Amino acid sequence: MPPTPAVPSGPPADGIYIAQLVVIMLLAGLLGGGVNFVINRDEDKAFKSLIDAVLAGVAASFLVPLFLHMLKNTLVADAVKNPLLLLVFAGFCLVAAISSRAVIRAVSDKALKLAEEANKKAGEATKQAGAATQKAVVAGTQASTAQQMAIGAAEALENQVAVGLARQADSEPGPRMAGRIEEPAEALEAAIAEYDRLRSQAKGAERFRSMGRVFFRMRDLVPSLGDSEEPLRWLSDKDAPGRRLAAYAYLTERAAEGGSEFALSSLPPLLGALSTTEDQNFGRYWGIVAIRHLIDRVEGEVPAEISEGIRMLASSGDNPPGSDRWFELQRIMNQRGIDPGAAG
C-alpha cells in the first residue's frame, strides 16, 4: 500500500487564524445583537431596533480583542496553540454583543483612561529627562570650571614662584646696575633681546626666574626713556614680545609720575594690546599689573570704555578663573568698583 500523506500539524498560518477570529467575532456579533434585540424588543420600532442591536453587537464583538489586550489577557495568542480556546473567545464575543451598550461604554472609558495615563507618564518622563539633562549640563559646567581653576591654580603657583625668584634675584647685587647707569638705552635693548631669547627655551623654574629678573631690570632701565611715546607703539608689535614686556615695565614705572592724564591716555592702547596682540601668559600678567598701577592714578570714576575693556579681559579665555591674571583683574575691579557682570 502507498504511504499515507502526512497531515500538517501545529498552529495555523497567521492569515488563516486572523480570518477565523474575524468570522467568530462577526457571527457572535450578529447572534448576540439578535439576542439583545429579543431581550429588549421594542414593538413600535421593531426593524430599527433590530438593526441597531445587530450593529452594536458586531461592534462590541470586535472590541473584545482590544478589551483582552488592555487586561493583559493572552487568550487570543494562546488559542493559536489550543484551538479549543477559540470557543472561549467566541463566548466572550457573544456576551459582549448581548451587552453591547455596556461593553462599548466600558471599553471606551478604559481606553481613554489608559491613554490619559500614558500621556501623563510620557509627560513625567519628559520632565525627568529634562531635569537629568539640566543636571548633566550643570555637572559638565562645574567639571569644566574645576578643570579651568585647577589649570589656573597650577599656572598661578608657577608664576608666583617665578616672581618670587625674580624679586630675590633683583635684590642681589650684580653688574646690571652698572650697565643701567653707564648705558641705559643699550642695556634696555640687551634686556629685550635677552627676554626674546629666553622665550625659546624649555619651560622651567630657572627660565621663569630669568624672565622675571629681565622684567625687573627693564623697570630699572625704562625711566631713562622719559616722556617718550615709543613704548606705546611697542604695545602693538606682534613680533616683538620683548618690546611689549618693556612697554609694560615702562607704563608700570611711569604711572605714579604721569598721574591721571597719563593713565587715561595709556590704558586704552594697553587694554587693546592685551586683548588682541599679547599671546604670552607671562606678558599678559605684567600687562595686567601695569593696568593696576595706571588705574590707581585715575581720578574720579573710571570711564565706561576702560571698565568695559577690563571686564572683557576678565571674561576672556586667556585669563581663566583661578589664574594669577584672573585674580589681578578681580582685584582691580574690586578696588575701583567695576561690576564684573556687566560686560556686554
Foldseek 3Di string as FASTA:
>chain_A
DDDDDDDDDAFDDPVVLVVVLLVLLLVLLQVLLQLLCVVVPDPVPRVVSSVVLSVLLSVQSVCLVVVCVLVVHCLSVVCRGPVVSVVVSSVSSNVCSNVSVVSVVVSVVSVVVVVVVVVVVVVVVVVVVVVVVVVVVVVVVVVVLVVLQVVQQVQQVLLVLLLVLQVVVLPDDDCLVVVLVPPLVVSLVVLQVVLVVLVPDDDDSVSSNSNSVSLVSLLSRLVVVPPDPVLLVLLQPQVRLSSVSSSLSNLLNCQVVVAQVVLLVRQVSLLVSLVPRDDDLVSNQSSLVSNLSNVVRHPDADDPVSLLSLLCSLPDPSNRPNHSNNVSSVVSCVVRVRDSPPHD
